[in-house]
């Protein structure tokens, strides 16, 4: 049975810690990770949690405790992962348009590194040669994902080295005697069709024979999770079968079995997250009834940035008559969470919960309008743990320097 926090639990958390508040359910994260482990049982597959989805240090510690590794997109995410207790060998860092000095700093920390540009690959070769194993992020020129903003493998994407520049890569490898141990591709997020991953693998099979020291292939992440009833989820069991079949049909010609890496982020933490808000004001107009909550896209930007859907429930009046509401925020900007959504009758003071809020919720939040960032609470073994305090006024002044 899927792990789910009850209305009573969410109400109790809101009463104890105030609103708005993010809530994360540890056992749901474990449930999602178990799906992956079970589906790929018997295969040499390793999972790296894409920490950009949610970097709260307690969440990172919990993910480490259940055996998952971690994927980082910045040197500071690497440092957070190390702080959370991940050993360097369980951390992979994939660069994206960054200064070479950051790659140098990451290299000093001893983690796996993927490089996404010819420029930085050459700089890496000049400095480290064959002394440090490195991976290459390739752009497979495949369009995939639920929104262009989260599609990263198409032919106009900034991510990775285009596969049609592979000869330039090989020239640098030979010139600097680079030790290439991993090839990485990531086509996007919200991928529901496993054939997208198969296409990526097929692209790699034409390239793998040209790298003699490969020991792993990184297929990225982007697994689809359902945000609304009837939404599909990436068929992990089918994906595991397709991966197994593909590598069985194309053994590494260099004689070394290749370990396969995946980087699930949203898949692990999205469904574990809840965002609880309180209704400030009801405003009836000729076209709709607005329910204004004590939040905005400064706390949850996905609906405005990606046109993303989040299921919303009135947990204060779950048996109330269904009516139509437009759920909006309280900042001085258009911040519509939902337009003409059917909800149980909403009253001022009611608690509205946004579901599937664990990924790219708090992580993309800001202090726009000088509003405070919300608290975060972790629920584990039925107990509630405050894992980040809500901002206070002093947090708005931190790092500012008074000169006038």
Protein backbone atom coordinates (compact mmCIF):
# COMPACT_ATOMS: atom_id res chain seq x y z
CA UNK A 1 0.00 0.00 0.00
CA UNK A 2 1.33 3.42 -0.97
CA UNK A 3 2.59 5.57 1.88
CA UNK A 4 0.33 8.58 2.48
CA UNK A 5 0.04 11.10 5.30
CA UNK A 6 -3.50 11.57 6.62
CA UNK A 7 -5.47 14.80 6.84
CA UNK A 8 -5.24 14.58 10.62
CA UNK A 9 -1.44 14.35 10.48
CA UNK A 10 -1.17 17.27 8.08
CA UNK A 11 -3.56 19.36 10.18
CA UNK A 12 -1.57 18.59 13.33
CA UNK A 13 1.66 19.66 11.62
CA UNK A 14 0.08 22.91 10.45
CA UNK A 15 -1.16 23.62 13.97
CA UNK A 16 2.22 22.85 15.50
CA UNK A 17 4.52 24.61 13.05
CA UNK A 18 2.26 27.16 11.36
CA UNK A 19 1.68 27.71 7.66
CA UNK A 20 2.81 27.78 4.99
CA UNK A 21 4.90 24.67 5.63
CA UNK A 22 6.54 21.96 3.54
CA UNK A 23 6.19 18.39 4.83
CA UNK A 24 8.24 15.38 3.67
CA UNK A 25 7.36 11.75 4.37
CA UNK A 26 10.50 9.63 4.76
CA UNK A 27 8.80 6.26 4.24
CA UNK A 28 7.39 7.39 0.90
CA UNK A 29 10.92 8.17 -0.30
CA UNK A 30 11.98 4.69 0.74
CA UNK A 31 8.98 3.19 -1.03
CA UNK A 32 9.96 4.89 -4.29
CA UNK A 33 13.58 3.79 -3.97
CA UNK A 34 12.45 0.23 -3.29
CA UNK A 35 10.49 0.25 -6.57
CA UNK A 36 13.72 0.97 -8.43
CA UNK A 37 15.78 -1.62 -6.58
CA UNK A 38 13.13 -4.30 -7.04
CA UNK A 39 12.63 -3.58 -10.76
CA UNK A 40 16.36 -3.75 -11.57
CA UNK A 41 17.13 -6.68 -9.27
CA UNK A 42 19.91 -8.83 -10.72
CA UNK A 43 21.30 -6.06 -12.91
CA UNK A 44 24.41 -4.00 -12.21
CA UNK A 45 22.47 -0.74 -11.91
CA UNK A 46 23.25 2.08 -9.47
CA UNK A 47 20.96 4.98 -8.55
CA UNK A 48 22.10 8.53 -7.79
CA UNK A 49 19.48 10.82 -6.26
CA UNK A 50 19.35 14.08 -8.26
CA UNK A 51 19.71 16.33 -5.24
CA UNK A 52 18.73 19.52 -7.08
CA UNK A 53 15.13 18.39 -6.47
CA UNK A 54 15.46 18.84 -2.70
CA UNK A 55 18.67 19.42 -0.73
CA UNK A 56 17.48 19.62 2.86
CA UNK A 57 20.36 18.04 4.77
CA UNK A 58 18.06 15.66 6.65
CA UNK A 59 16.52 14.40 3.42
CA UNK A 60 20.02 13.83 2.06
CA UNK A 61 20.99 11.93 5.22
CA UNK A 62 17.89 9.77 4.95
CA UNK A 63 18.48 9.01 1.28
CA UNK A 64 22.03 7.98 2.09
CA UNK A 65 20.78 5.75 4.91
CA UNK A 66 18.55 3.71 2.56
CA UNK A 67 21.50 3.00 0.25
CA UNK A 68 20.96 5.48 -2.56
CA UNK A 69 23.85 7.53 -3.97
CA UNK A 70 23.65 11.21 -4.90
CA UNK A 71 23.91 13.28 -8.08
CA UNK A 72 25.02 16.92 -7.79
CA UNK A 73 24.80 19.86 -10.17
CA UNK A 74 27.05 22.28 -8.31
CA UNK A 75 30.08 22.22 -6.06
CA UNK A 76 27.88 23.34 -3.16
CA UNK A 77 25.55 20.38 -3.68
CA UNK A 78 28.66 18.20 -3.53
CA UNK A 79 29.66 19.83 -0.24
CA UNK A 80 26.14 19.34 1.15
CA UNK A 81 26.27 15.67 0.16
CA UNK A 82 29.63 15.22 1.89
CA UNK A 83 28.26 17.06 4.93
CA UNK A 84 25.30 14.66 4.94
CA UNK A 85 27.69 11.72 5.14
CA UNK A 86 27.89 10.47 1.55
CA UNK A 87 31.40 9.16 0.82
CA UNK A 88 32.98 10.76 -2.22
CA UNK A 89 32.74 7.52 -4.25
CA UNK A 90 28.93 7.66 -3.95
CA UNK A 91 28.69 11.19 -5.38
CA UNK A 92 28.55 12.12 -9.07
CA UNK A 93 28.91 15.73 -10.19
CA UNK A 94 27.76 16.79 -13.64
CA UNK A 95 28.92 20.21 -14.72
CA UNK A 96 26.91 22.58 -16.88
CA UNK A 97 28.49 25.71 -18.31
CA UNK A 98 30.58 26.40 -15.24
CA UNK A 99 34.06 27.86 -14.79
CA UNK A 100 36.87 25.32 -14.82
CA UNK A 101 37.87 26.47 -11.34
CA UNK A 102 34.69 24.80 -10.01
CA UNK A 103 35.63 21.52 -11.66
CA UNK A 104 39.09 21.82 -10.06
CA UNK A 105 37.48 22.30 -6.65
CA UNK A 106 35.18 19.32 -7.17
CA UNK A 107 38.11 17.19 -8.30
CA UNK A 108 39.90 17.98 -5.06
CA UNK A 109 36.93 16.45 -3.21
CA UNK A 110 37.41 13.11 -4.98
CA UNK A 111 33.95 12.58 -6.47
CA UNK A 112 32.89 11.28 -9.89
CA UNK A 113 32.90 14.08 -12.47
CA UNK A 114 31.02 14.44 -15.76
CA UNK A 115 32.13 17.25 -18.08
CA UNK A 116 29.72 18.84 -20.56
CA UNK A 117 31.87 21.01 -22.85
CA UNK A 118 34.86 20.58 -25.13
CA UNK A 119 36.45 23.64 -23.53
CA UNK A 120 36.43 22.23 -20.00
CA UNK A 121 37.34 18.76 -21.24
CA UNK A 122 40.51 20.17 -22.79
CA UNK A 123 41.35 22.11 -19.63
CA UNK A 124 40.79 18.98 -17.57
CA UNK A 125 43.05 17.00 -19.87
CA UNK A 126 45.84 19.58 -19.70
CA UNK A 127 45.80 19.59 -15.90
CA UNK A 128 44.99 15.98 -14.98
CA UNK A 129 45.73 13.87 -18.05
CA UNK A 130 45.18 10.19 -17.27
CA UNK A 131 45.50 10.63 -13.52
CA UNK A 132 41.79 11.17 -12.70
CA UNK A 133 38.90 9.17 -14.23
CA UNK A 134 36.28 11.44 -15.76
CA UNK A 135 32.94 11.14 -17.54
CA UNK A 136 31.56 13.03 -20.52
CA UNK A 137 28.02 14.33 -20.80
CA UNK A 138 26.79 13.94 -24.36
CA UNK A 139 23.74 15.54 -25.94
CA UNK A 140 21.90 12.77 -27.81
CA UNK A 141 19.72 15.15 -29.90
CA UNK A 142 16.52 13.49 -28.68
CA UNK A 143 13.43 15.55 -27.84
CA UNK A 144 11.74 14.28 -24.67
CA UNK A 145 10.13 15.56 -21.50
CA UNK A 146 6.92 17.08 -20.25
CA UNK A 147 7.85 20.71 -21.06
CA UNK A 148 10.47 22.36 -23.29
CA UNK A 149 11.98 23.99 -20.19
CA UNK A 150 12.78 20.53 -18.78
CA UNK A 151 13.81 18.90 -22.08
CA UNK A 152 17.59 18.75 -22.06
CA UNK A 153 18.63 16.35 -24.83
CA UNK A 154 17.25 18.01 -27.99
CA UNK A 155 19.34 19.62 -30.71
CA UNK A 156 18.88 23.17 -29.38
CA UNK A 157 19.64 22.33 -25.75
CA UNK A 158 22.61 23.89 -23.96
CA UNK A 159 23.31 20.64 -22.11
CA UNK A 160 26.14 18.27 -23.01
CA UNK A 161 28.50 17.89 -25.94
CA UNK A 162 26.54 17.14 -29.13
CA UNK A 163 27.07 13.57 -30.31
CA UNK A 164 27.99 14.89 -33.75
CA UNK A 165 31.13 16.37 -32.13
CA UNK A 166 32.35 13.00 -30.89
CA UNK A 167 35.41 13.12 -33.16
CA UNK A 168 36.50 16.33 -31.41
CA UNK A 169 36.05 14.58 -28.07
CA UNK A 170 38.19 11.68 -29.21
CA UNK A 171 40.88 14.06 -30.45
CA UNK A 172 41.09 15.59 -26.95
CA UNK A 173 41.10 12.16 -25.32
CA UNK A 174 44.07 11.09 -27.43
CA UNK A 175 45.88 14.43 -27.14
CA UNK A 176 45.77 14.49 -23.32
CA UNK A 177 45.58 10.73 -22.63
CA UNK A 178 42.27 11.26 -20.82
CA UNK A 179 40.85 8.43 -18.72
CA UNK A 180 37.18 8.36 -19.79
CA UNK A 181 35.34 5.95 -17.52
CA UNK A 182 31.73 7.09 -18.03
CA UNK A 183 29.43 8.37 -20.78
CA UNK A 184 26.40 10.36 -19.61
CA UNK A 185 23.18 11.37 -21.34
CA UNK A 186 20.02 12.95 -19.93
CA UNK A 187 17.12 13.71 -22.26
CA UNK A 188 14.77 15.58 -19.91
CA UNK A 189 12.20 15.29 -17.15
CA UNK A 190 8.71 13.79 -17.00
CA UNK A 191 9.56 11.02 -19.48
CA UNK A 192 6.70 8.51 -19.61
CA UNK A 193 7.82 6.51 -22.67
CA UNK A 194 10.63 4.08 -21.85
CA UNK A 195 11.54 4.01 -25.55
CA UNK A 196 13.14 7.42 -25.00
CA UNK A 197 15.72 5.74 -22.77
CA UNK A 198 16.14 2.96 -25.33
CA UNK A 199 16.85 5.55 -28.04
CA UNK A 200 19.48 7.08 -25.81
CA UNK A 201 21.09 3.71 -25.26
CA UNK A 202 21.13 3.08 -29.02
CA UNK A 203 22.97 6.37 -29.52
CA UNK A 204 25.58 5.27 -26.98
CA UNK A 205 26.10 1.84 -28.55
CA UNK A 206 27.59 3.52 -31.62
CA UNK A 207 30.02 5.42 -29.40
CA UNK A 208 30.95 2.95 -26.65
CA UNK A 209 33.50 0.98 -28.73
CA UNK A 210 35.56 4.14 -29.20
CA UNK A 211 36.28 4.50 -25.48
CA UNK A 212 38.51 1.68 -24.26
CA UNK A 213 38.38 2.36 -20.51
CA UNK A 214 34.63 2.74 -19.97
CA UNK A 215 33.22 1.07 -16.89
CA UNK A 216 29.81 2.77 -16.65
CA UNK A 217 27.00 4.38 -18.63
CA UNK A 218 24.89 7.14 -17.04
CA UNK A 219 21.37 7.35 -18.51
CA UNK A 220 20.28 10.31 -16.36
CA UNK A 221 16.82 10.53 -14.85
CA UNK A 222 13.53 12.12 -15.75
CA UNK A 223 11.15 9.38 -14.66
CA UNK A 224 7.51 10.49 -14.88
CA UNK A 225 5.46 10.69 -11.71
CA UNK A 226 1.67 11.18 -11.69
CA UNK A 227 0.53 14.64 -10.63
CA UNK A 228 -3.16 14.11 -11.31
CA UNK A 229 -5.49 11.12 -11.27
CA UNK A 230 -5.04 9.09 -14.45
CA UNK A 231 -1.54 10.42 -15.09
CA UNK A 232 0.91 7.75 -16.27
CA UNK A 233 4.06 6.88 -14.36
CA UNK A 234 7.21 5.68 -16.05
CA UNK A 235 6.93 1.89 -16.17
CA UNK A 236 10.06 1.10 -14.18
CA UNK A 237 9.65 -2.67 -14.60
CA UNK A 238 9.43 -2.31 -18.38
CA UNK A 239 12.39 0.06 -18.37
CA UNK A 240 14.46 -2.48 -16.44
CA UNK A 241 13.53 -5.16 -18.96
CA UNK A 242 14.42 -2.94 -21.92
CA UNK A 243 17.77 -1.96 -20.40
CA UNK A 244 18.62 -5.59 -19.73
CA UNK A 245 17.68 -6.61 -23.28
CA UNK A 246 19.59 -3.73 -24.85
CA UNK A 247 22.86 -4.42 -23.06
CA UNK A 248 22.52 -8.17 -23.58
CA UNK A 249 22.20 -7.56 -27.31
CA UNK A 250 25.13 -5.13 -27.34
CA UNK A 251 27.86 -6.37 -25.00
CA UNK A 252 30.78 -4.01 -24.55
CA UNK A 253 33.22 -4.89 -27.35
CA UNK A 254 36.04 -3.95 -25.00
CA UNK A 255 35.15 -7.00 -22.90
CA UNK A 256 34.23 -5.13 -19.73
CA UNK A 257 30.60 -5.31 -18.49
CA UNK A 258 29.26 -1.80 -18.10
CA UNK A 259 27.53 -0.65 -14.94
CA UNK A 260 24.40 1.42 -15.62
CA UNK A 261 23.63 4.57 -13.64
CA UNK A 262 20.34 6.42 -13.28
CA UNK A 263 19.71 9.79 -11.59
CA UNK A 264 16.13 9.88 -10.25
CA UNK A 265 15.22 13.07 -8.41
CA UNK A 266 11.55 13.90 -8.67
CA UNK A 267 10.72 10.17 -8.73
CA UNK A 268 12.09 9.77 -5.21
CA UNK A 269 10.86 12.89 -3.42
CA UNK A 270 7.95 14.44 -5.32
CA UNK A 271 5.18 12.24 -3.93
CA UNK A 272 6.73 12.42 -0.46
CA UNK A 273 6.11 16.16 -0.27
CA UNK A 274 3.10 18.18 0.88
CA UNK A 275 2.75 21.94 0.95
CA UNK A 276 0.21 23.22 3.47
CA UNK A 277 -1.24 26.70 3.09
CA UNK A 278 -4.02 28.65 4.78
CA UNK A 279 -6.79 30.59 3.02
CA UNK A 280 -6.47 34.31 3.75
CA UNK A 281 -9.31 35.78 1.70
CA UNK A 282 -12.22 34.69 -0.49
CA UNK A 283 -13.02 37.11 -3.30
CA UNK A 284 -16.04 36.58 -5.54
CA UNK A 285 -16.01 38.09 -9.02
CA UNK A 286 -18.17 37.77 -12.11
CA UNK A 287 -15.91 35.10 -13.57
CA UNK A 288 -14.58 33.12 -10.61
CA UNK A 289 -14.19 32.89 -6.85
CA UNK A 290 -10.62 33.51 -5.78
CA UNK A 291 -9.25 31.70 -2.76
CA UNK A 292 -6.11 33.60 -1.76
CA UNK A 293 -3.66 31.59 0.33
CA UNK A 294 -0.75 32.72 2.49
CA UNK A 295 1.83 31.75 -0.13
CA UNK A 296 2.70 32.44 -3.75
CA UNK A 297 5.14 31.46 -6.48
CA UNK A 298 7.85 32.65 -4.11
CA UNK A 299 7.26 29.31 -2.36
CA UNK A 300 5.97 27.05 -5.16
CA UNK A 301 6.89 28.30 -8.61
CA UNK A 302 6.13 25.19 -10.68
CA UNK A 303 2.54 26.10 -11.68
CA UNK A 304 3.60 29.51 -13.00
CA UNK A 305 6.97 28.47 -14.41
CA UNK A 306 6.08 25.11 -15.98
CA UNK A 307 2.25 25.28 -16.13
CA UNK A 308 2.50 22.38 -13.73
CA UNK A 309 -0.54 20.77 -12.12
CA UNK A 310 -0.65 20.03 -8.39
CA UNK A 311 -3.61 18.28 -6.81
CA UNK A 312 -5.07 20.57 -4.12
CA UNK A 313 -7.36 19.47 -1.31
CA UNK A 314 -9.24 21.36 1.39
CA UNK A 315 -8.37 19.23 4.42
CA UNK A 316 -10.34 21.49 6.77
CA UNK A 317 -13.64 20.69 5.07
CA UNK A 318 -13.18 17.40 3.18
CA UNK A 319 -16.92 16.63 3.12
CA UNK A 320 -18.00 20.09 1.97
CA UNK A 321 -19.98 20.73 -1.19
CA UNK A 322 -17.84 20.84 -4.33
CA UNK A 323 -17.48 24.32 -5.72
CA UNK A 324 -15.21 26.04 -8.23
CA UNK A 325 -12.30 28.18 -7.02
CA UNK A 326 -9.22 29.83 -8.47
CA UNK A 327 -6.37 29.32 -6.02
CA UNK A 328 -4.01 32.29 -5.99
CA UNK A 329 -1.16 33.60 -3.89
CA UNK A 330 -0.58 36.72 -1.84
CA UNK A 331 2.39 38.30 -3.58
CA UNK A 332 2.32 41.37 -5.82
CA UNK A 333 2.50 39.38 -9.04
CA UNK A 334 0.16 37.04 -10.88
CA UNK A 335 0.65 33.74 -9.05
CA UNK A 336 -2.21 31.45 -9.97
CA UNK A 337 -1.84 27.93 -8.61
CA UNK A 338 -5.07 26.65 -10.17
CA UNK A 339 -7.88 28.17 -12.24
CA UNK A 340 -11.51 27.15 -11.64
CA UNK A 341 -10.55 24.05 -9.66
CA UNK A 342 -13.26 21.92 -8.02
CA UNK A 343 -12.71 21.88 -4.24
CA UNK A 344 -14.80 21.09 -1.21
CA UNK A 345 -16.31 24.36 -0.01
CA UNK A 346 -13.50 26.70 1.00
CA UNK A 347 -13.76 29.10 3.92
CA UNK A 348 -11.32 31.70 5.14
CA UNK A 349 -8.91 30.00 7.52
CA UNK A 350 -9.19 26.58 5.86
CA UNK A 351 -6.04 24.56 5.15
CA UNK A 352 -5.34 23.79 1.49
CA UNK A 353 -2.75 21.11 0.78
CA UNK A 354 -0.73 20.91 -2.43
CA UNK A 355 0.33 17.33 -3.16
CA UNK A 356 3.45 16.06 -4.97
CA UNK A 357 5.31 19.07 -3.63
CA UNK A 358 8.56 17.40 -2.60
CA UNK A 359 10.51 18.15 -5.78
CA UNK A 360 11.41 21.68 -6.92
CA UNK A 361 9.14 23.25 -4.30
CA UNK A 362 11.15 24.67 -1.43
CA UNK A 363 14.26 24.16 -3.54
CA UNK A 364 13.17 26.86 -6.01
CA UNK A 365 11.68 29.20 -3.40
CA UNK A 366 12.73 32.81 -2.85
CA UNK A 367 12.16 35.84 -0.64
CA UNK A 368 10.35 37.77 -3.38
CA UNK A 369 8.25 40.62 -1.93
CA UNK A 370 10.43 40.21 1.18
CA UNK A 371 8.22 37.29 2.20
CA UNK A 372 9.66 34.66 4.49
CA UNK A 373 10.58 31.21 3.25
CA UNK A 374 8.47 28.52 4.97
CA UNK A 375 9.48 25.88 7.47
CA UNK A 376 10.19 22.27 6.47
CA UNK A 377 9.07 19.25 8.49
CA UNK A 378 10.18 15.62 8.07
CA UNK A 379 7.81 12.83 9.11
CA UNK A 380 9.63 9.61 9.96
CA UNK A 381 8.24 6.61 11.87
CA UNK A 382 5.15 8.68 12.64
CA UNK A 383 7.11 11.43 14.42
CA UNK A 384 7.30 15.05 13.25
CA UNK A 385 10.71 16.70 13.02
CA UNK A 386 11.28 20.37 12.23
CA UNK A 387 14.17 20.26 9.75
CA UNK A 388 14.22 23.93 8.76
CA UNK A 389 12.86 26.88 10.68
CA UNK A 390 10.70 29.40 8.89
CA UNK A 391 12.42 32.68 8.10
CA UNK A 392 12.19 35.60 10.50
CA UNK A 393 12.84 39.27 9.78
CA UNK A 394 16.56 38.98 10.58
CA UNK A 395 16.92 36.49 7.72
CA UNK A 396 15.94 39.21 5.26
CA UNK A 397 18.83 41.37 6.50
CA UNK A 398 21.44 38.61 6.69
CA UNK A 399 24.42 39.38 4.44
CA UNK A 400 23.24 42.91 3.76
CA UNK A 401 25.81 45.57 4.70
CA UNK A 402 24.58 48.89 6.07
CA UNK A 403 26.55 51.73 4.50
CA UNK A 404 24.03 54.60 4.64
